[in-house]
Amino acid sequence: MSQTETAILGALTVEPMTGYQVRNSITEVLGHFWHESFGQIYPALARLVDQGLISADPGARASSRVFTITNAGRDELRSRLSEPPTFPPPRNGLLLRVFFGAQLEPEVLRAMLQEYGQEVAARLAEFDEIENGILTEDAGDPNQLYWLATVRNGRLSAQAQSQWVRETLASLPE
């Protein structure tokens, strides 16, 4: 089973959804640490239905079919989530540019870092907003502890990136 299918099964544990809602859920909720495209989601939904891991409204149009995780799907999700994750090799375009920074004018690299620092600051504000929402809107939800853990991971990573940007900017030649 692909990681796409695992993400879909997980999303459907929250509530039944159309394919469009699954995509939006993955983008809006998991999007800080996971990305899927429409091109990946719809074929995966079809495979999951064929495997009996999710069900769908039989009479509904394809665009409005509501998918629901089955008991077999929950069992498969638990099994998949119990497996150790695979870690893809890193691919960071900014670090590639910093590593070869001697080939750039310092002001070009400085501008890239400043722009990245602004993006990180925006992400930090977004993580604060998400955490506040989880604490207020999702109080008592059994998933709250786990959702907060992933948001805090994002926040700590963004804080480290923010510090790195400041230190790197301070070390660049004028």
Foldseek 3Di string as FASTA:
>chain_A
DDVLLLLLLVLQVVDWAALVVSQVCCCVQVVLPDHDDSVPRPVSLVVCCVVVQWHWDPPDDNRGIIIHGDPVVVVVSVVVVPDDDDDDDDDDPLVVCVVVVVVDDLVVNLVVLVVVLVVLVVLLVVLVVVLVCLVPVVVPPPCSVVSNVVSVVSNVVSVVSNVVSVVVSVPTDD
